[in-house]
Amino acid sequence: MAPCRLSRRALLAAALLPGRPGLAAPGAAPGAEPWRGAISLLVGARPGTAGDQWARGFAPFLERHLMRVSVGVSNLPGEGGLAALRATASAAPDGHTIGLIATPVTLASAVERDATALLDAADPIAGVAEETLVLVVPPNAPAELAALRQPAEGAVLATPPAGSGGHLAAQSLREALPLSILAFASAAAARQAAQAGNVAAALVPLPDAIAALRDDRLGAAAIATPARSPLLPEVRTFKEQGVRFAFLAQRGVVAPPGLPDGMRGTLVAALQSVVGDPEFAAQADDNGFVPHFMPGAEWRGSMRQSLEELRARWRATPWIDRHG
């Protein structure tokens, strides 16, 4: 059983809190400009999907710490998140439009569509959260990686759709996990297939599985964090079980290029305060992600590295039919 949820929340809040909620975080830019009015937070996901729900959980915290503004989520699905990114990049730099993107899935979409130049068209303000992957198994199956490294003939590994983080990661694990990969329409569908015992395992984002894991409706064979996660400290990492593999996805905020320096500094400070908010940490604990502030320059560098890796993989072994 996992530790009590209150103790996890207290641990995360104590570790992540850089300032008091409601105040700009330390290090705010001198001459920071206040934001007023309404902000449209563009998200490249359909209403009701995991990406949309994440954005709607994040928006009130941004509103709290930016202050004197209202933040509304605007859905602009299409092109694997690129439609929302394109709209953000082309918006006026007046503070009324910003975007929320997830990597590496947005990067994979750009590679698939030969649209990587779009990634330089928007200004990455900061990453605010990290998510990992978890290898889940049916509730009555052995919750250990060794059982899947020598699977029964025809055993299937379920993943989210082609081009998702889970699907890309499963392909890189083919040698360590010799299972037949089957991409489902969503992470939820892949998880449900594992719960029902219809597949040997599923490699899915932790937010899509954490409730079922905590309720013992699934078992966890491995988690893709570099070290054990405070969210599921009893679950061993891939590395602990002899497989050199880790995966962290980022969610973060981008803005149109040319945002005034003072206004940009205000937004950066607000995002730092969101990441340090104990209530945001509690929401993260419930939903299976970890608040993590990554400055824009560092996030851009991380994206460029991932982009080069994805380009090389796409040239060698495309993860979807190029002509589909």
Protein backbone atom coordinates (compact mmCIF):
# COMPACT_ATOMS: atom_id res chain seq x y z
CA MET A 1 0.00 0.00 0.00
CA ALA A 2 1.17 3.55 -0.73
CA PRO A 3 1.81 5.93 2.21
CA CYS A 4 -1.11 8.02 3.33
CA ARG A 5 -1.95 10.79 0.89
CA LEU A 6 -1.60 13.54 3.48
CA SER A 7 2.04 12.68 4.16
CA ARG A 8 2.84 12.66 0.42
CA ARG A 9 1.26 16.07 0.03
CA ALA A 10 3.19 17.48 2.97
CA LEU A 11 6.43 16.10 1.55
CA LEU A 12 5.83 17.55 -1.92
CA ALA A 13 4.69 20.92 -0.59
CA ALA A 14 7.70 21.28 1.68
CA ALA A 15 10.10 20.32 -1.08
CA LEU A 16 8.64 22.56 -3.77
CA LEU A 17 7.52 25.72 -1.99
CA PRO A 18 9.67 28.75 -2.93
CA GLY A 19 7.31 31.46 -1.74
CA ARG A 20 3.92 32.10 -0.21
CA PRO A 21 0.88 31.52 -2.43
CA GLY A 22 -0.62 34.67 -3.82
CA LEU A 23 2.72 36.50 -3.99
CA ALA A 24 5.20 36.79 -6.82
CA ALA A 25 8.01 34.29 -6.44
CA PRO A 26 11.47 35.50 -5.41
CA GLY A 27 13.54 36.71 -8.34
CA ALA A 28 10.74 38.51 -10.17
CA ALA A 29 12.14 40.83 -12.84
CA PRO A 30 12.61 44.47 -11.79
CA GLY A 31 9.98 46.65 -13.37
CA ALA A 32 7.61 43.74 -13.86
CA GLU A 33 4.37 44.82 -15.49
CA PRO A 34 0.95 43.85 -14.12
CA TRP A 35 -1.40 41.85 -16.30
CA ARG A 36 -5.03 42.90 -16.37
CA GLY A 37 -8.15 41.69 -18.10
CA ALA A 38 -8.63 38.26 -19.60
CA ILE A 39 -6.13 35.67 -20.81
CA SER A 40 -6.97 32.91 -23.23
CA LEU A 41 -4.94 29.78 -22.47
CA LEU A 42 -4.83 27.81 -25.72
CA VAL A 43 -4.64 24.03 -25.41
CA GLY A 44 -4.35 21.67 -28.35
CA ALA A 45 -6.77 19.07 -27.01
CA ARG A 46 -10.45 18.35 -27.29
CA PRO A 47 -12.74 19.07 -24.33
CA GLY A 48 -12.81 16.22 -21.84
CA THR A 49 -9.48 14.71 -22.85
CA ALA A 50 -6.52 14.35 -20.49
CA GLY A 51 -4.77 17.42 -21.91
CA ASP A 52 -7.89 19.53 -21.55
CA GLN A 53 -8.49 18.39 -17.97
CA TRP A 54 -4.89 19.19 -17.07
CA ALA A 55 -5.22 22.70 -18.51
CA ARG A 56 -8.47 23.32 -16.63
CA GLY A 57 -6.83 22.22 -13.39
CA PHE A 58 -3.84 24.48 -14.01
CA ALA A 59 -5.71 27.64 -15.10
CA PRO A 60 -7.11 28.61 -11.66
CA PHE A 61 -3.62 28.52 -10.15
CA LEU A 62 -2.24 30.75 -12.88
CA GLU A 63 -5.14 33.11 -12.26
CA ARG A 64 -4.41 33.08 -8.51
CA HIS A 65 -0.74 33.95 -8.87
CA LEU A 66 -0.88 36.29 -11.84
CA MET A 67 -3.64 38.22 -10.05
CA ARG A 68 -6.04 40.81 -11.45
CA VAL A 69 -6.75 38.64 -14.48
CA SER A 70 -9.16 35.94 -15.50
CA VAL A 71 -7.73 32.88 -17.26
CA GLY A 72 -9.97 30.89 -19.57
CA VAL A 73 -9.08 27.66 -21.39
CA SER A 74 -9.68 27.71 -25.15
CA ASN A 75 -9.56 24.38 -26.96
CA LEU A 76 -7.90 24.35 -30.37
CA PRO A 77 -7.31 20.69 -31.23
CA GLY A 78 -5.65 19.62 -34.45
CA GLU A 79 -2.33 18.45 -35.86
CA GLY A 80 -1.28 16.80 -32.64
CA GLY A 81 -1.15 20.08 -30.72
CA LEU A 82 0.44 22.15 -33.49
CA ALA A 83 -2.75 24.07 -34.31
CA ALA A 84 -2.77 25.60 -30.82
CA LEU A 85 0.97 26.26 -30.97
CA ARG A 86 0.60 27.99 -34.33
CA ALA A 87 -2.24 30.16 -33.03
CA THR A 88 -0.19 31.11 -29.97
CA ALA A 89 2.87 32.01 -32.05
CA SER A 90 0.83 34.22 -34.39
CA ALA A 91 -1.15 36.02 -31.65
CA ALA A 92 -0.46 39.64 -30.70
CA PRO A 93 2.15 39.90 -27.89
CA ASP A 94 -0.24 41.85 -25.67
CA GLY A 95 -0.71 39.33 -22.88
CA HIS A 96 -4.18 38.19 -23.90
CA THR A 97 -3.10 34.88 -25.48
CA ILE A 98 -0.69 32.24 -24.22
CA GLY A 99 -0.44 28.51 -24.88
CA LEU A 100 0.05 25.30 -22.97
CA ILE A 101 2.04 22.53 -24.67
CA ALA A 102 3.27 19.06 -23.74
CA THR A 103 6.56 17.60 -24.84
CA PRO A 104 7.71 15.30 -26.36
CA VAL A 105 4.32 14.68 -27.98
CA THR A 106 4.22 18.13 -29.60
CA LEU A 107 7.76 17.60 -30.89
CA ALA A 108 6.81 14.23 -32.39
CA SER A 109 3.84 15.84 -34.12
CA ALA A 110 6.14 18.49 -35.60
CA VAL A 111 8.55 15.85 -36.89
CA GLU A 112 5.74 13.81 -38.45
CA ARG A 113 4.39 16.87 -40.30
CA ASP A 114 7.76 18.40 -41.23
CA ALA A 115 6.78 21.45 -39.19
CA THR A 116 9.69 21.73 -36.78
CA ALA A 117 10.25 25.40 -37.68
CA LEU A 118 7.03 26.14 -35.80
CA LEU A 119 8.76 25.26 -32.54
CA ASP A 120 10.98 28.33 -32.89
CA ALA A 121 8.02 30.59 -33.64
CA ALA A 122 6.72 30.73 -30.06
CA ASP A 123 8.51 31.84 -26.89
CA PRO A 124 8.87 29.03 -24.29
CA ILE A 125 8.23 30.80 -20.99
CA ALA A 126 8.72 27.89 -18.59
CA GLY A 127 7.95 24.28 -17.95
CA VAL A 128 5.73 23.79 -14.90
CA ALA A 129 5.21 20.05 -14.49
CA GLU A 130 6.73 16.68 -15.24
CA GLU A 131 5.01 13.39 -15.97
CA THR A 132 6.49 9.94 -16.27
CA LEU A 133 5.39 6.60 -17.65
CA VAL A 134 4.46 3.50 -15.69
CA LEU A 135 4.39 -0.10 -16.88
CA VAL A 136 1.16 -1.54 -15.52
CA VAL A 137 -0.04 -5.14 -15.44
CA PRO A 138 -3.37 -6.84 -14.67
CA PRO A 139 -4.16 -6.88 -10.95
CA ASN A 140 -3.44 -10.59 -10.51
CA ALA A 141 -0.25 -10.66 -12.60
CA PRO A 142 3.28 -10.55 -11.12
CA ALA A 143 4.17 -6.89 -10.58
CA GLU A 144 7.78 -7.22 -11.69
CA LEU A 145 9.68 -6.50 -14.86
CA ALA A 146 11.34 -9.93 -14.98
CA ALA A 147 8.02 -11.60 -15.75
CA LEU A 148 7.65 -9.47 -18.89
CA ARG A 149 11.21 -9.85 -20.13
CA GLN A 150 10.48 -13.48 -21.00
CA PRO A 151 6.81 -13.25 -21.99
CA ALA A 152 4.50 -15.90 -23.30
CA GLU A 153 4.29 -16.15 -27.07
CA GLY A 154 2.01 -13.49 -28.53
CA ALA A 155 1.97 -11.37 -25.38
CA VAL A 156 0.91 -7.77 -26.07
CA LEU A 157 2.11 -4.44 -24.69
CA ALA A 158 -0.61 -1.80 -24.95
CA THR A 159 0.31 1.85 -25.49
CA PRO A 160 -1.44 5.14 -26.16
CA PRO A 161 -1.69 6.24 -29.84
CA ALA A 162 1.26 6.24 -32.24
CA GLY A 163 3.46 9.29 -31.69
CA SER A 164 2.58 9.57 -28.00
CA GLY A 165 5.26 9.40 -25.34
CA GLY A 166 4.15 5.93 -24.28
CA HIS A 167 4.22 4.57 -27.82
CA LEU A 168 7.62 6.09 -28.62
CA ALA A 169 9.03 4.73 -25.36
CA ALA A 170 7.65 1.24 -26.02
CA GLN A 171 9.47 1.14 -29.35
CA SER A 172 12.76 1.98 -27.66
CA LEU A 173 12.16 -0.83 -25.15
CA ARG A 174 11.65 -3.56 -27.77
CA GLU A 175 14.89 -5.34 -26.93
CA ALA A 176 14.31 -5.30 -23.17
CA LEU A 177 10.59 -6.06 -23.46
CA PRO A 178 10.00 -8.44 -26.40
CA LEU A 179 6.23 -7.95 -26.51
CA SER A 180 4.05 -7.15 -29.50
CA ILE A 181 3.19 -3.43 -29.35
CA LEU A 182 -0.44 -2.48 -29.89
CA ALA A 183 -1.34 1.22 -29.96
CA PHE A 184 -4.80 2.03 -28.59
CA ALA A 185 -6.91 5.10 -29.30
CA SER A 186 -6.06 6.62 -25.92
CA ALA A 187 -4.02 6.01 -22.79
CA ALA A 188 -7.26 5.28 -20.94
CA ALA A 189 -8.12 2.52 -23.43
CA ALA A 190 -4.65 0.98 -23.06
CA ARG A 191 -4.97 1.08 -19.27
CA GLN A 192 -8.41 -0.53 -19.39
CA ALA A 193 -7.08 -3.33 -21.56
CA ALA A 194 -4.52 -4.11 -18.86
CA GLN A 195 -7.12 -3.89 -16.09
CA ALA A 196 -9.29 -6.39 -17.93
CA GLY A 197 -6.36 -8.76 -18.50
CA ASN A 198 -6.67 -8.48 -22.27
CA VAL A 199 -2.97 -7.56 -22.64
CA ALA A 200 0.15 -8.56 -20.72
CA ALA A 201 0.98 -4.96 -19.81
CA ALA A 202 0.46 -1.33 -20.77
CA LEU A 203 2.96 1.53 -20.85
CA VAL A 204 0.97 4.66 -20.03
CA PRO A 205 1.41 8.10 -18.45
CA LEU A 206 1.26 7.87 -14.68
CA PRO A 207 -1.68 10.34 -14.47
CA ASP A 208 -3.79 7.89 -16.49
CA ALA A 209 -3.05 5.00 -14.13
CA ILE A 210 -2.45 6.40 -10.65
CA ALA A 211 -6.02 6.08 -9.38
CA ALA A 212 -6.25 2.43 -10.48
CA LEU A 213 -2.84 1.70 -8.96
CA ARG A 214 -3.76 3.22 -5.62
CA ASP A 215 -7.03 1.27 -5.60
CA ASP A 216 -5.20 -2.01 -6.45
CA ARG A 217 -7.09 -2.32 -9.74
CA LEU A 218 -3.71 -2.54 -11.49
CA GLY A 219 -0.21 -3.64 -10.61
CA ALA A 220 2.92 -1.65 -11.43
CA ALA A 221 5.89 -3.55 -12.86
CA ALA A 222 8.17 -0.51 -13.25
CA ILE A 223 8.18 3.28 -13.26
CA ALA A 224 10.23 5.35 -15.72
CA THR A 225 11.65 7.91 -13.29
CA PRO A 226 15.44 8.16 -12.75
CA ALA A 227 14.87 7.43 -9.03
CA ARG A 228 11.78 6.19 -7.23
CA SER A 229 8.85 8.55 -7.39
CA PRO A 230 7.39 10.06 -4.19
CA LEU A 231 3.99 9.46 -5.79
CA LEU A 232 4.48 5.65 -5.78
CA PRO A 233 7.58 5.04 -3.66
CA GLU A 234 6.99 1.29 -3.45
CA VAL A 235 7.29 0.85 -7.26
CA ARG A 236 10.76 0.00 -8.54
CA THR A 237 12.28 1.89 -11.45
CA PHE A 238 13.29 0.28 -14.73
CA LYS A 239 16.93 0.92 -13.83
CA GLU A 240 16.59 -0.92 -10.50
CA GLN A 241 15.45 -3.95 -12.49
CA GLY A 242 18.30 -3.94 -14.98
CA VAL A 243 16.83 -1.84 -17.81
CA ARG A 244 18.50 1.50 -18.51
CA PHE A 245 15.42 3.56 -19.30
CA ALA A 246 13.86 6.74 -17.95
CA PHE A 247 11.23 9.09 -19.33
CA LEU A 248 10.03 12.51 -18.24
CA ALA A 249 7.55 14.59 -20.21
CA GLN A 250 7.05 18.31 -19.59
CA ARG A 251 4.01 20.54 -19.62
CA GLY A 252 4.65 24.24 -19.91
CA VAL A 253 3.60 27.67 -21.08
CA VAL A 254 4.54 29.34 -24.35
CA ALA A 255 3.76 32.88 -25.50
CA PRO A 256 3.79 34.88 -28.72
CA PRO A 257 7.26 36.27 -29.51
CA GLY A 258 7.82 39.89 -28.57
CA LEU A 259 6.07 39.89 -25.20
CA PRO A 260 7.38 43.00 -23.34
CA ASP A 261 10.19 42.14 -20.94
CA GLY A 262 8.34 43.40 -17.88
CA MET A 263 5.21 41.46 -18.73
CA ARG A 264 7.23 38.34 -19.48
CA GLY A 265 8.97 38.67 -16.12
CA THR A 266 5.62 38.89 -14.36
CA LEU A 267 4.47 35.70 -16.07
CA VAL A 268 7.68 33.86 -15.17
CA ALA A 269 7.30 34.89 -11.50
CA ALA A 270 3.66 33.78 -11.48
CA LEU A 271 4.59 30.37 -12.90
CA GLN A 272 7.27 29.96 -10.23
CA SER A 273 4.66 30.69 -7.59
CA VAL A 274 2.21 28.20 -9.12
CA VAL A 275 4.85 25.47 -8.95
CA GLY A 276 5.47 26.33 -5.29
CA ASP A 277 1.80 26.44 -4.28
CA PRO A 278 0.99 23.66 -1.76
CA GLU A 279 -2.49 23.26 -3.23
CA PHE A 280 -0.99 22.75 -6.69
CA ALA A 281 1.32 20.14 -5.12
CA ALA A 282 -1.71 18.41 -3.60
CA GLN A 283 -3.49 18.42 -6.96
CA ALA A 284 -0.34 16.99 -8.54
CA ASP A 285 -0.23 14.23 -5.93
CA ASP A 286 -3.83 13.30 -6.65
CA ASN A 287 -3.37 13.35 -10.41
CA GLY A 288 0.02 11.72 -10.86
CA PHE A 289 2.32 14.52 -11.97
CA VAL A 290 5.11 16.48 -10.25
CA PRO A 291 5.32 20.30 -10.17
CA HIS A 292 8.67 21.27 -11.63
CA PHE A 293 9.79 24.71 -12.78
CA MET A 294 12.07 24.66 -15.83
CA PRO A 295 13.21 28.11 -17.06
CA GLY A 296 12.44 28.90 -20.67
CA ALA A 297 16.04 28.74 -21.90
CA GLU A 298 16.57 25.35 -20.28
CA TRP A 299 13.26 24.06 -21.61
CA ARG A 300 14.14 25.22 -25.13
CA GLY A 301 17.48 23.40 -24.90
CA SER A 302 15.76 20.24 -23.72
CA MET A 303 13.27 20.46 -26.59
CA ARG A 304 16.03 20.88 -29.16
CA GLN A 305 17.84 17.81 -27.87
CA SER A 306 14.65 15.75 -27.94
CA LEU A 307 13.83 17.07 -31.40
CA GLU A 308 17.14 15.87 -32.83
CA GLU A 309 16.60 12.44 -31.31
CA LEU A 310 13.09 12.24 -32.74
CA ARG A 311 14.26 13.34 -36.19
CA ALA A 312 16.85 10.56 -36.22
CA ARG A 313 14.27 8.00 -35.13
CA TRP A 314 11.78 9.21 -37.73
CA ARG A 315 14.33 8.81 -40.52
CA ALA A 316 15.26 5.31 -39.36
CA THR A 317 11.92 3.87 -38.17
CA PRO A 318 8.84 6.10 -38.56
CA TRP A 319 6.33 5.50 -35.77
CA ILE A 320 3.35 6.04 -38.09
CA ASP A 321 2.74 5.31 -41.77
CA ARG A 322 4.29 8.21 -43.68
CA HIS A 323 1.56 7.90 -46.29
CA GLY A 324 -1.31 7.31 -43.88
